[in-house]
Amino acid sequence: MYTLEKEQFVTASLEKCWDFLRNPANLNLITPRDLHF
């Protein structure tokens, strides 16, 4: 089985990051543009 691991460092609190991630519409903003998500 292939496993891919990535890390991204963000200078914000866990709460601010969670507020962003909990909204499914924001998946568009964190998906690479070339995937045409």
Full PDB file with SEQRES, HELIX, SHEET, SSBOND, CRYST1, ORIGX, SCALE, CONECT and MASTER records, all heavy atoms in Angstrom:
SEQRES   1 A   37  MET TYR THR LEU GLU LYS GLU GLN PHE VAL THR ALA SER          
SEQRES   2 A   37  LEU GLU LYS CYS TRP ASP PHE LEU ARG ASN PRO ALA ASN          
SEQRES   3 A   37  LEU ASN LEU ILE THR PRO ARG ASP LEU HIS PHE                  
HELIX    1 AA1 LEU A   14  LEU A   21  1                                   8    
HELIX    2 AA2 PRO A   24  ASN A   26  5                                   3    
HELIX    3 AA3 LEU A   27  ILE A   30  1                                   4    
HELIX    4 AA4 ARG A   33  LEU A   35  5                                   3    
CRYST1    1.000    1.000    1.000  90.00  90.00  90.00 P 1           1          
ORIGX1      1.000000  0.000000  0.000000        0.00000                         
ORIGX2      0.000000  1.000000  0.000000        0.00000                         
ORIGX3      0.000000  0.000000  1.000000        0.00000                         
SCALE1      1.000000  0.000000  0.000000        0.00000                         
SCALE2      0.000000  1.000000  0.000000        0.00000                         
SCALE3      0.000000  0.000000  1.000000        0.00000                         
ATOM      1  N   MET A   1       0.837  -1.160   0.000  1.00  0.00           N  
ATOM      2  CA  MET A   1       0.000   0.000   0.000  1.00  0.00           C  
ATOM      3  C   MET A   1       0.891   1.236   0.000  1.00  0.00           C  
ATOM      4  O   MET A   1       1.861   1.320   0.737  1.00  0.00           O  
ATOM      5  CB  MET A   1      -0.905   0.013   1.233  1.00  0.00           C  
ATOM      6  CG  MET A   1      -1.796   1.223   1.279  1.00  0.00           C  
ATOM      7  SD  MET A   1      -2.852   1.350   2.737  1.00  0.00           S  
ATOM      8  CE  MET A   1      -3.697  -0.180   2.695  1.00  0.00           C  
ATOM      9  N   TYR A   2       0.576   2.193  -0.839  1.00  0.00           N  
ATOM     10  CA  TYR A   2       1.331   3.430  -0.944  1.00  0.00           C  
ATOM     11  C   TYR A   2       0.841   4.410   0.104  1.00  0.00           C  
ATOM     12  O   TYR A   2      -0.368   4.572   0.297  1.00  0.00           O  
ATOM     13  CB  TYR A   2       1.148   4.023  -2.343  1.00  0.00           C  
ATOM     14  CG  TYR A   2       1.914   5.299  -2.563  1.00  0.00           C  
ATOM     15  CD1 TYR A   2       3.286   5.279  -2.775  1.00  0.00           C  
ATOM     16  CD2 TYR A   2       1.272   6.521  -2.544  1.00  0.00           C  
ATOM     17  CE1 TYR A   2       3.994   6.440  -2.980  1.00  0.00           C  
ATOM     18  CE2 TYR A   2       1.964   7.689  -2.755  1.00  0.00           C  
ATOM     19  CZ  TYR A   2       3.326   7.649  -2.969  1.00  0.00           C  
ATOM     20  OH  TYR A   2       4.020   8.812  -3.159  1.00  0.00           O  
ATOM     21  N   THR A   3       1.757   5.068   0.794  1.00  0.00           N  
ATOM     22  CA  THR A   3       1.418   6.074   1.793  1.00  0.00           C  
ATOM     23  C   THR A   3       2.103   7.372   1.420  1.00  0.00           C  
ATOM     24  O   THR A   3       3.293   7.385   1.114  1.00  0.00           O  
ATOM     25  CB  THR A   3       1.900   5.628   3.191  1.00  0.00           C  
ATOM     26  OG1 THR A   3       1.271   4.387   3.506  1.00  0.00           O  
ATOM     27  CG2 THR A   3       1.542   6.655   4.232  1.00  0.00           C  
ATOM     28  N   LEU A   4       1.343   8.447   1.465  1.00  0.00           N  
ATOM     29  CA  LEU A   4       1.871   9.782   1.181  1.00  0.00           C  
ATOM     30  C   LEU A   4       1.691  10.623   2.428  1.00  0.00           C  
ATOM     31  O   LEU A   4       0.594  10.679   2.985  1.00  0.00           O  
ATOM     32  CB  LEU A   4       1.102  10.414   0.014  1.00  0.00           C  
ATOM     33  CG  LEU A   4       1.431  11.864  -0.314  1.00  0.00           C  
ATOM     34  CD1 LEU A   4       2.864  11.988  -0.805  1.00  0.00           C  
ATOM     35  CD2 LEU A   4       0.453  12.386  -1.361  1.00  0.00           C  
ATOM     36  N   GLU A   5       2.764  11.239   2.883  1.00  0.00           N  
ATOM     37  CA  GLU A   5       2.692  12.117   4.052  1.00  0.00           C  
ATOM     38  C   GLU A   5       3.192  13.493   3.670  1.00  0.00           C  
ATOM     39  O   GLU A   5       4.212  13.628   2.998  1.00  0.00           O  
ATOM     40  CB  GLU A   5       3.536  11.555   5.192  1.00  0.00           C  
ATOM     41  CG  GLU A   5       2.982  10.272   5.759  1.00  0.00           C  
ATOM     42  CD  GLU A   5       3.733   9.797   6.983  1.00  0.00           C  
ATOM     43  OE1 GLU A   5       4.285  10.647   7.723  1.00  0.00           O  
ATOM     44  OE2 GLU A   5       3.767   8.585   7.205  1.00  0.00           O  
ATOM     45  N   LYS A   6       2.450  14.507   4.084  1.00  0.00           N  
ATOM     46  CA  LYS A   6       2.828  15.896   3.834  1.00  0.00           C  
ATOM     47  C   LYS A   6       2.624  16.685   5.115  1.00  0.00           C  
ATOM     48  O   LYS A   6       1.704  16.408   5.885  1.00  0.00           O  
ATOM     49  CB  LYS A   6       1.954  16.519   2.736  1.00  0.00           C  
ATOM     50  CG  LYS A   6       2.119  15.904   1.381  1.00  0.00           C  
ATOM     51  CD  LYS A   6       3.357  16.407   0.728  1.00  0.00           C  
ATOM     52  CE  LYS A   6       3.430  15.899  -0.693  1.00  0.00           C  
ATOM     53  NZ  LYS A   6       4.572  16.366  -1.401  1.00  0.00           N  
ATOM     54  N   GLU A   7       3.446  17.686   5.320  1.00  0.00           N  
ATOM     55  CA  GLU A   7       3.281  18.603   6.439  1.00  0.00           C  
ATOM     56  C   GLU A   7       3.188  20.005   5.890  1.00  0.00           C  
ATOM     57  O   GLU A   7       3.818  20.337   4.886  1.00  0.00           O  
ATOM     58  CB  GLU A   7       4.475  18.529   7.396  1.00  0.00           C  
ATOM     59  CG  GLU A   7       4.535  17.270   8.201  1.00  0.00           C  
ATOM     60  CD  GLU A   7       5.659  17.302   9.228  1.00  0.00           C  
ATOM     61  OE1 GLU A   7       6.327  18.346   9.378  1.00  0.00           O  
ATOM     62  OE2 GLU A   7       5.865  16.278   9.872  1.00  0.00           O  
ATOM     63  N   GLN A   8       2.403  20.808   6.562  1.00  0.00           N  
ATOM     64  CA  GLN A   8       2.286  22.217   6.194  1.00  0.00           C  
ATOM     65  C   GLN A   8       2.349  23.015   7.486  1.00  0.00           C  
ATOM     66  O   GLN A   8       1.631  22.706   8.447  1.00  0.00           O  
ATOM     67  CB  GLN A   8       0.979  22.483   5.461  1.00  0.00           C  
ATOM     68  CG  GLN A   8       0.861  23.884   4.955  1.00  0.00           C  
ATOM     69  CD  GLN A   8      -0.364  24.065   4.072  1.00  0.00           C  
ATOM     70  OE1 GLN A   8      -1.242  23.229   4.029  1.00  0.00           O  
ATOM     71  NE2 GLN A   8      -0.393  25.163   3.364  1.00  0.00           N  
ATOM     72  N   PHE A   9       3.193  24.017   7.525  1.00  0.00           N  
ATOM     73  CA  PHE A   9       3.341  24.835   8.718  1.00  0.00           C  
ATOM     74  C   PHE A   9       2.589  26.143   8.517  1.00  0.00           C  
ATOM     75  O   PHE A   9       2.755  26.822   7.501  1.00  0.00           O  
ATOM     76  CB  PHE A   9       4.826  25.101   9.006  1.00  0.00           C  
ATOM     77  CG  PHE A   9       5.577  23.831   9.325  1.00  0.00           C  
ATOM     78  CD1 PHE A   9       6.251  23.140   8.341  1.00  0.00           C  
ATOM     79  CD2 PHE A   9       5.565  23.327  10.618  1.00  0.00           C  
ATOM     80  CE1 PHE A   9       6.911  21.960   8.626  1.00  0.00           C  
ATOM     81  CE2 PHE A   9       6.226  22.147  10.916  1.00  0.00           C  
ATOM     82  CZ  PHE A   9       6.900  21.467   9.921  1.00  0.00           C  
ATOM     83  N   VAL A  10       1.762  26.475   9.509  1.00  0.00           N  
ATOM     84  CA  VAL A  10       0.927  27.666   9.453  1.00  0.00           C  
ATOM     85  C   VAL A  10       1.158  28.450  10.733  1.00  0.00           C  
ATOM     86  O   VAL A  10       1.187  27.873  11.818  1.00  0.00           O  
ATOM     87  CB  VAL A  10      -0.570  27.278   9.334  1.00  0.00           C  
ATOM     88  CG1 VAL A  10      -1.455  28.492   9.326  1.00  0.00           C  
ATOM     89  CG2 VAL A  10      -0.797  26.413   8.101  1.00  0.00           C  
ATOM     90  N   THR A  11       1.305  29.751  10.602  1.00  0.00           N  
ATOM     91  CA  THR A  11       1.510  30.587  11.780  1.00  0.00           C  
ATOM     92  C   THR A  11       0.169  31.122  12.270  1.00  0.00           C  
ATOM     93  O   THR A  11      -0.172  32.283  12.098  1.00  0.00           O  
ATOM     94  CB  THR A  11       2.470  31.751  11.475  1.00  0.00           C  
ATOM     95  OG1 THR A  11       1.946  32.487  10.366  1.00  0.00           O  
ATOM     96  CG2 THR A  11       3.855  31.247  11.144  1.00  0.00           C  
ATOM     97  N   ALA A  12      -0.599  30.232  12.867  1.00  0.00           N  
ATOM     98  CA  ALA A  12      -1.903  30.584  13.444  1.00  0.00           C  
ATOM     99  C   ALA A  12      -2.178  29.607  14.573  1.00  0.00           C  
ATOM    100  O   ALA A  12      -1.585  28.532  14.644  1.00  0.00           O  
ATOM    101  CB  ALA A  12      -2.998  30.504  12.384  1.00  0.00           C  
ATOM    102  N   SER A  13      -3.097  29.970  15.432  1.00  0.00           N  
ATOM    103  CA  SER A  13      -3.447  29.091  16.547  1.00  0.00           C  
ATOM    104  C   SER A  13      -4.193  27.866  16.033  1.00  0.00           C  
ATOM    105  O   SER A  13      -4.758  27.873  14.932  1.00  0.00           O  
ATOM    106  CB  SER A  13      -4.325  29.843  17.547  1.00  0.00           C  
ATOM    107  OG  SER A  13      -5.598  30.116  16.964  1.00  0.00           O  
ATOM    108  N   LEU A  14      -4.217  26.820  16.851  1.00  0.00           N  
ATOM    109  CA  LEU A  14      -4.973  25.623  16.500  1.00  0.00           C  
ATOM    110  C   LEU A  14      -6.444  25.968  16.287  1.00  0.00           C  
ATOM    111  O   LEU A  14      -7.080  25.449  15.376  1.00  0.00           O  
ATOM    112  CB  LEU A  14      -4.853  24.563  17.591  1.00  0.00           C  
ATOM    113  CG  LEU A  14      -3.517  23.841  17.708  1.00  0.00           C  
ATOM    114  CD1 LEU A  14      -3.529  22.884  18.890  1.00  0.00           C  
ATOM    115  CD2 LEU A  14      -3.187  23.099  16.432  1.00  0.00           C  
ATOM    116  N   GLU A  15      -6.969  26.859  17.123  1.00  0.00           N  
ATOM    117  CA  GLU A  15      -8.377  27.234  17.017  1.00  0.00           C  
ATOM    118  C   GLU A  15      -8.666  27.924  15.688  1.00  0.00           C  
ATOM    119  O   GLU A  15      -9.673  27.640  15.039  1.00  0.00           O  
ATOM    120  CB  GLU A  15      -8.789  28.134  18.187  1.00  0.00           C  
ATOM    121  CG  GLU A  15      -8.806  27.427  19.527  1.00  0.00           C  
ATOM    122  CD  GLU A  15      -7.427  27.224  20.143  1.00  0.00           C  
ATOM    123  OE1 GLU A  15      -6.436  27.881  19.715  1.00  0.00           O  
ATOM    124  OE2 GLU A  15      -7.308  26.375  21.050  1.00  0.00           O  
ATOM    125  N   LYS A  16      -7.783  28.833  15.263  1.00  0.00           N  
ATOM    126  CA  LYS A  16      -7.989  29.516  13.979  1.00  0.00           C  
ATOM    127  C   LYS A  16      -7.875  28.534  12.818  1.00  0.00           C  
ATOM    128  O   LYS A  16      -8.639  28.595  11.867  1.00  0.00           O  
ATOM    129  CB  LYS A  16      -6.989  30.659  13.800  1.00  0.00           C  
ATOM    130  CG  LYS A  16      -7.373  31.902  14.516  1.00  0.00           C  
ATOM    131  CD  LYS A  16      -6.513  33.053  14.059  1.00  0.00           C  
ATOM    132  CE  LYS A  16      -7.055  34.320  14.698  1.00  0.00           C  
ATOM    133  NZ  LYS A  16      -6.619  35.502  14.011  1.00  0.00           N  
ATOM    134  N   CYS A  17      -6.914  27.633  12.908  1.00  0.00           N  
ATOM    135  CA  CYS A  17      -6.768  26.620  11.850  1.00  0.00           C  
ATOM    136  C   CYS A  17      -8.005  25.736  11.789  1.00  0.00           C  
ATOM    137  O   CYS A  17      -8.515  25.434  10.709  1.00  0.00           O  
ATOM    138  CB  CYS A  17      -5.518  25.776  12.084  1.00  0.00           C  
ATOM    139  SG  CYS A  17      -3.982  26.682  11.825  1.00  0.00           S  
ATOM    140  N   TRP A  18      -8.506  25.324  12.949  1.00  0.00           N  
ATOM    141  CA  TRP A  18      -9.692  24.478  12.978  1.00  0.00           C  
ATOM    142  C   TRP A  18     -10.899  25.229  12.425  1.00  0.00           C  
ATOM    143  O   TRP A  18     -11.698  24.650  11.683  1.00  0.00           O  
ATOM    144  CB  TRP A  18      -9.974  23.966  14.385  1.00  0.00           C  
ATOM    145  CG  TRP A  18     -11.117  23.010  14.385  1.00  0.00           C  
ATOM    146  CD1 TRP A  18     -12.408  23.256  14.768  1.00  0.00           C  
ATOM    147  CD2 TRP A  18     -11.095  21.668  13.910  1.00  0.00           C  
ATOM    148  NE1 TRP A  18     -13.182  22.144  14.572  1.00  0.00           N  
ATOM    149  CE2 TRP A  18     -12.396  21.152  14.047  1.00  0.00           C  
ATOM    150  CE3 TRP A  18     -10.104  20.841  13.387  1.00  0.00           C  
ATOM    151  CZ2 TRP A  18     -12.735  19.856  13.678  1.00  0.00           C  
ATOM    152  CZ3 TRP A  18     -10.434  19.555  13.026  1.00  0.00           C  
ATOM    153  CH2 TRP A  18     -11.735  19.069  13.174  1.00  0.00           C  
ATOM    154  N   ASP A  19     -11.055  26.494  12.786  1.00  0.00           N  
ATOM    155  CA  ASP A  19     -12.179  27.285  12.260  1.00  0.00           C  
ATOM    156  C   ASP A  19     -12.168  27.289  10.735  1.00  0.00           C  
ATOM    157  O   ASP A  19     -13.213  27.253  10.104  1.00  0.00           O  
ATOM    158  CB  ASP A  19     -12.129  28.715  12.781  1.00  0.00           C  
ATOM    159  CG  ASP A  19     -12.607  28.830  14.218  1.00  0.00           C  
ATOM    160  OD1 ASP A  19     -13.264  27.891  14.710  1.00  0.00           O  
ATOM    161  OD2 ASP A  19     -12.323  29.870  14.834  1.00  0.00           O  
ATOM    162  N   PHE A  20     -10.987  27.322  10.156  1.00  0.00           N  
ATOM    163  CA  PHE A  20     -10.853  27.292   8.699  1.00  0.00           C  
ATOM    164  C   PHE A  20     -11.168  25.900   8.152  1.00  0.00           C  
ATOM    165  O   PHE A  20     -11.962  25.743   7.224  1.00  0.00           O  
ATOM    166  CB  PHE A  20      -9.440  27.713   8.303  1.00  0.00           C  
ATOM    167  CG  PHE A  20      -9.180  27.644   6.838  1.00  0.00           C  
ATOM    168  CD1 PHE A  20      -9.565  28.679   5.998  1.00  0.00           C  
ATOM    169  CD2 PHE A  20      -8.549  26.538   6.273  1.00  0.00           C  
ATOM    170  CE1 PHE A  20      -9.332  28.615   4.634  1.00  0.00           C  
ATOM    171  CE2 PHE A  20      -8.312  26.464   4.925  1.00  0.00           C  
ATOM    172  CZ  PHE A  20      -8.704  27.504   4.096  1.00  0.00           C  
ATOM    173  N   LEU A  21     -10.565  24.867   8.734  1.00  0.00           N  
ATOM    174  CA  LEU A  21     -10.704  23.504   8.210  1.00  0.00           C  
ATOM    175  C   LEU A  21     -12.086  22.900   8.401  1.00  0.00           C  
ATOM    176  O   LEU A  21     -12.502  22.064   7.609  1.00  0.00           O  
ATOM    177  CB  LEU A  21      -9.675  22.575   8.855  1.00  0.00           C  
ATOM    178  CG  LEU A  21      -8.253  22.730   8.368  1.00  0.00           C  
ATOM    179  CD1 LEU A  21      -7.337  21.823   9.176  1.00  0.00           C  
ATOM    180  CD2 LEU A  21      -8.139  22.423   6.892  1.00  0.00           C  
ATOM    181  N   ARG A  22     -12.809  23.307   9.419  1.00  0.00           N  
ATOM    182  CA  ARG A  22     -14.107  22.680   9.685  1.00  0.00           C  
ATOM    183  C   ARG A  22     -15.163  23.040   8.657  1.00  0.00           C  
ATOM    184  O   ARG A  22     -16.199  22.407   8.573  1.00  0.00           O  
ATOM    185  CB  ARG A  22     -14.585  22.998  11.094  1.00  0.00           C  
ATOM    186  CG  ARG A  22     -15.040  24.422  11.267  1.00  0.00           C  
ATOM    187  CD  ARG A  22     -15.488  24.660  12.669  1.00  0.00           C  
ATOM    188  NE  ARG A  22     -16.028  26.004  12.775  1.00  0.00           N  
ATOM    189  CZ  ARG A  22     -16.367  26.565  13.899  1.00  0.00           C  
ATOM    190  NH1 ARG A  22     -16.227  25.901  15.027  1.00  0.00           N  
ATOM    191  NH2 ARG A  22     -16.853  27.779  13.917  1.00  0.00           N  
ATOM    192  N   ASN A  23     -14.887  24.055   7.835  1.00  0.00           N  
ATOM    193  CA  ASN A  23     -15.806  24.431   6.761  1.00  0.00           C  
ATOM    194  C   ASN A  23     -15.397  23.684   5.495  1.00  0.00           C  
ATOM    195  O   ASN A  23     -14.358  23.972   4.908  1.00  0.00           O  
ATOM    196  CB  ASN A  23     -15.759  25.934   6.524  1.00  0.00           C  
ATOM    197  CG  ASN A  23     -16.752  26.389   5.485  1.00  0.00           C  
ATOM    198  OD1 ASN A  23     -17.188  25.614   4.636  1.00  0.00           O  
ATOM    199  ND2 ASN A  23     -17.110  27.653   5.533  1.00  0.00           N  
ATOM    200  N   PRO A  24     -16.196  22.713   5.053  1.00  0.00           N  
ATOM    201  CA  PRO A  24     -15.829  21.905   3.891  1.00  0.00           C  
ATOM    202  C   PRO A  24     -15.583  22.714   2.616  1.00  0.00           C  
ATOM    203  O   PRO A  24     -14.805  22.298   1.764  1.00  0.00           O  
ATOM    204  CB  PRO A  24     -17.022  20.966   3.703  1.00  0.00           C  
ATOM    205  CG  PRO A  24     -17.717  20.953   5.009  1.00  0.00           C  
ATOM    206  CD  PRO A  24     -17.468  22.289   5.633  1.00  0.00           C  
ATOM    207  N   ALA A  25     -16.209  23.869   2.485  1.00  0.00           N  
ATOM    208  CA  ALA A  25     -15.997  24.691   1.288  1.00  0.00           C  
ATOM    209  C   ALA A  25     -14.548  25.154   1.178  1.00  0.00           C  
ATOM    210  O   ALA A  25     -14.068  25.446   0.083  1.00  0.00           O  
ATOM    211  CB  ALA A  25     -16.950  25.887   1.294  1.00  0.00           C  
ATOM    212  N   ASN A  26     -13.833  25.205   2.287  1.00  0.00           N  
ATOM    213  CA  ASN A  26     -12.441  25.650   2.262  1.00  0.00           C  
ATOM    214  C   ASN A  26     -11.497  24.611   1.666  1.00  0.00           C  
ATOM    215  O   ASN A  26     -10.323  24.910   1.435  1.00  0.00           O  
ATOM    216  CB  ASN A  26     -11.985  26.056   3.657  1.00  0.00           C  
ATOM    217  CG  ASN A  26     -12.605  27.371   4.076  1.00  0.00           C  
ATOM    218  OD1 ASN A  26     -12.967  28.194   3.234  1.00  0.00           O  
ATOM    219  ND2 ASN A  26     -12.750  27.571   5.362  1.00  0.00           N  
ATOM    220  N   LEU A  27     -11.998  23.403   1.410  1.00  0.00           N  
ATOM    221  CA  LEU A  27     -11.163  22.407   0.727  1.00  0.00           C  
ATOM    222  C   LEU A  27     -10.663  22.949  -0.612  1.00  0.00           C  
ATOM    223  O   LEU A  27      -9.559  22.637  -1.048  1.00  0.00           O  
ATOM    224  CB  LEU A  27     -11.935  21.115   0.504  1.00  0.00           C  
ATOM    225  CG  LEU A  27     -12.203  20.271   1.740  1.00  0.00           C  
ATOM    226  CD1 LEU A  27     -13.171  19.144   1.386  1.00  0.00           C  
ATOM    227  CD2 LEU A  27     -10.913  19.709   2.295  1.00  0.00           C  
ATOM    228  N   ASN A  28     -11.479  23.765  -1.258  1.00  0.00           N  
ATOM    229  CA  ASN A  28     -11.060  24.383  -2.528  1.00  0.00           C  
ATOM    230  C   ASN A  28      -9.785  25.200  -2.356  1.00  0.00           C  
ATOM    231  O   ASN A  28      -8.952  25.250  -3.257  1.00  0.00           O  
ATOM    232  CB  ASN A  28     -12.155  25.293  -3.079  1.00  0.00           C  
ATOM    233  CG  ASN A  28     -13.297  24.542  -3.698  1.00  0.00           C  
ATOM    234  OD1 ASN A  28     -13.165  23.395  -4.087  1.00  0.00           O  
ATOM    235  ND2 ASN A  28     -14.441  25.189  -3.776  1.00  0.00           N  
ATOM    236  N   LEU A  29      -9.656  25.854  -1.211  1.00  0.00           N  
ATOM    237  CA  LEU A  29      -8.531  26.757  -0.993  1.00  0.00           C  
ATOM    238  C   LEU A  29      -7.229  26.047  -0.654  1.00  0.00           C  
ATOM    239  O   LEU A  29      -6.161  26.615  -0.824  1.00  0.00           O  
ATOM    240  CB  LEU A  29      -8.881  27.755   0.118  1.00  0.00           C  
ATOM    241  CG  LEU A  29     -10.101  28.632  -0.156  1.00  0.00           C  
ATOM    242  CD1 LEU A  29     -10.449  29.459   1.070  1.00  0.00           C  
ATOM    243  CD2 LEU A  29      -9.856  29.527  -1.359  1.00  0.00           C  
ATOM    244  N   ILE A  30      -7.307  24.812  -0.180  1.00  0.00           N  
ATOM    245  CA  ILE A  30      -6.079  24.096   0.205  1.00  0.00           C  
ATOM    246  C   ILE A  30      -5.701  22.980  -0.756  1.00  0.00           C  
ATOM    247  O   ILE A  30      -4.694  22.318  -0.568  1.00  0.00           O  
ATOM    248  CB  ILE A  30      -6.180  23.550   1.649  1.00  0.00           C  
ATOM    249  CG1 ILE A  30      -7.306  22.536   1.794  1.00  0.00           C  
ATOM    250  CG2 ILE A  30      -6.326  24.685   2.648  1.00  0.00           C  
ATOM    251  CD1 ILE A  30      -7.345  21.831   3.137  1.00  0.00           C  
ATOM    252  N   THR A  31      -6.508  22.784  -1.791  1.00  0.00           N  
ATOM    253  CA  THR A  31      -6.214  21.760  -2.795  1.00  0.00           C  
ATOM    254  C   THR A  31      -5.390  22.401  -3.918  1.00  0.00           C  
ATOM    255  O   THR A  31      -5.729  23.493  -4.370  1.00  0.00           O  
ATOM    256  CB  THR A  31      -7.519  21.172  -3.364  1.00  0.00           C  
ATOM    257  OG1 THR A  31      -8.267  20.622  -2.284  1.00  0.00           O  
ATOM    258  CG2 THR A  31      -7.234  20.087  -4.387  1.00  0.00           C  
ATOM    259  N   PRO A  32      -4.316  21.753  -4.348  1.00  0.00           N  
ATOM    260  CA  PRO A  32      -3.507  22.331  -5.436  1.00  0.00           C  
ATOM    261  C   PRO A  32      -4.363  22.677  -6.655  1.00  0.00           C  
ATOM    262  O   PRO A  32      -5.227  21.895  -7.070  1.00  0.00           O  
ATOM    263  CB  PRO A  32      -2.506  21.214  -5.763  1.00  0.00           C  
ATOM    264  CG  PRO A  32      -2.401  20.435  -4.494  1.00  0.00           C  
ATOM    265  CD  PRO A  32      -3.773  20.475  -3.878  1.00  0.00           C  
ATOM    266  N   ARG A  33      -4.140  23.856  -7.223  1.00  0.00           N  
ATOM    267  CA  ARG A  33      -4.943  24.362  -8.344  1.00  0.00           C  
ATOM    268  C   ARG A  33      -4.935  23.440  -9.553  1.00  0.00           C  
ATOM    269  O   ARG A  33      -5.919  23.344 -10.268  1.00  0.00           O  
ATOM    270  CB  ARG A  33      -4.456  25.744  -8.761  1.00  0.00           C  
ATOM    271  CG  ARG A  33      -4.739  26.809  -7.755  1.00  0.00           C  
ATOM    272  CD  ARG A  33      -4.208  28.157  -8.256  1.00  0.00           C  
ATOM    273  NE  ARG A  33      -4.225  29.126  -7.191  1.00  0.00           N  
ATOM    274  CZ  ARG A  33      -5.071  30.139  -7.144  1.00  0.00           C  
ATOM    275  NH1 ARG A  33      -5.944  30.299  -8.096  1.00  0.00           N  
ATOM    276  NH2 ARG A  33      -5.032  30.987  -6.140  1.00  0.00           N  
ATOM    277  N   ASP A  34      -3.832  22.751  -9.779  1.00  0.00           N  
ATOM    278  CA  ASP A  34      -3.731  21.901 -10.973  1.00  0.00           C  
ATOM    279  C   ASP A  34      -4.641  20.675 -10.895  1.00  0.00           C  
ATOM    280  O   ASP A  34      -4.811  19.965 -11.879  1.00  0.00           O  
ATOM    281  CB  ASP A  34      -2.291  21.492 -11.259  1.00  0.00           C  
ATOM    282  CG  ASP A  34      -1.653  20.693 -10.140  1.00  0.00           C  
ATOM    283  OD1 ASP A  34      -2.088  20.804  -8.982  1.00  0.00           O  
ATOM    284  OD2 ASP A  34      -0.701  19.948 -10.436  1.00  0.00           O  
ATOM    285  N   LEU A  35      -5.266  20.420  -9.748  1.00  0.00           N  
ATOM    286  CA  LEU A  35      -6.212  19.312  -9.636  1.00  0.00           C  
ATOM    287  C   LEU A  35      -7.626  19.727 -10.049  1.00  0.00           C  
ATOM    288  O   LEU A  35      -8.516  18.883 -10.134  1.00  0.00           O  
ATOM    289  CB  LEU A  35      -6.236  18.759  -8.208  1.00  0.00           C  
ATOM    290  CG  LEU A  35      -4.934  18.109  -7.747  1.00  0.00           C  
ATOM    291  CD1 LEU A  35      -5.052  17.628  -6.313  1.00  0.00           C  
ATOM    292  CD2 LEU A  35      -4.546  16.949  -8.656  1.00  0.00           C  
ATOM    293  N   HIS A  36      -7.824  21.022 -10.296  1.00  0.00           N  
ATOM    294  CA  HIS A  36      -9.125  21.534 -10.751  1.00  0.00           C  
ATOM    295  C   HIS A  36     -10.264  21.004  -9.878  1.00  0.00           C  
ATOM    296  O   HIS A  36     -11.268  20.502 -10.365  1.00  0.00           O  
ATOM    297  CB  HIS A  36      -9.361  21.195 -12.223  1.00  0.00           C  
ATOM    298  CG  HIS A  36      -8.244  21.626 -13.106  1.00  0.00           C  
ATOM    299  ND1 HIS A  36      -8.022  22.941 -13.425  1.00  0.00           N  
ATOM    300  CD2 HIS A  36      -7.257  20.919 -13.712  1.00  0.00           C  
ATOM    301  CE1 HIS A  36      -6.960  23.035 -14.204  1.00  0.00           C  
ATOM    302  NE2 HIS A  36      -6.466  21.817 -14.386  1.00  0.00           N  
ATOM    303  N   PHE A  37     -10.111  21.135  -8.595  1.00  0.00           N  
ATOM    304  CA  PHE A  37     -11.034  20.631  -7.586  1.00  0.00           C  
ATOM    305  C   PHE A  37     -12.292  21.490  -7.540  1.00  0.00           C  
ATOM    306  O   PHE A  37     -12.218  22.701  -7.389  1.00  0.00           O  
ATOM    307  CB  PHE A  37     -10.304  20.674  -6.241  1.00  0.00           C  
ATOM    308  CG  PHE A  37     -11.075  20.156  -5.077  1.00  0.00           C  
ATOM    309  CD1 PHE A  37     -11.003  18.822  -4.731  1.00  0.00           C  
ATOM    310  CD2 PHE A  37     -11.829  21.007  -4.299  1.00  0.00           C  
ATOM    311  CE1 PHE A  37     -11.689  18.347  -3.634  1.00  0.00           C  
ATOM    312  CE2 PHE A  37     -12.509  20.537  -3.199  1.00  0.00           C  
ATOM    313  CZ  PHE A  37     -12.440  19.200  -2.866  1.00  0.00           C  
TER     314      PHE A  37                                                      
MASTER        0    0    0    4    0    0    0    6  313    1    0    3          
END                                                                             
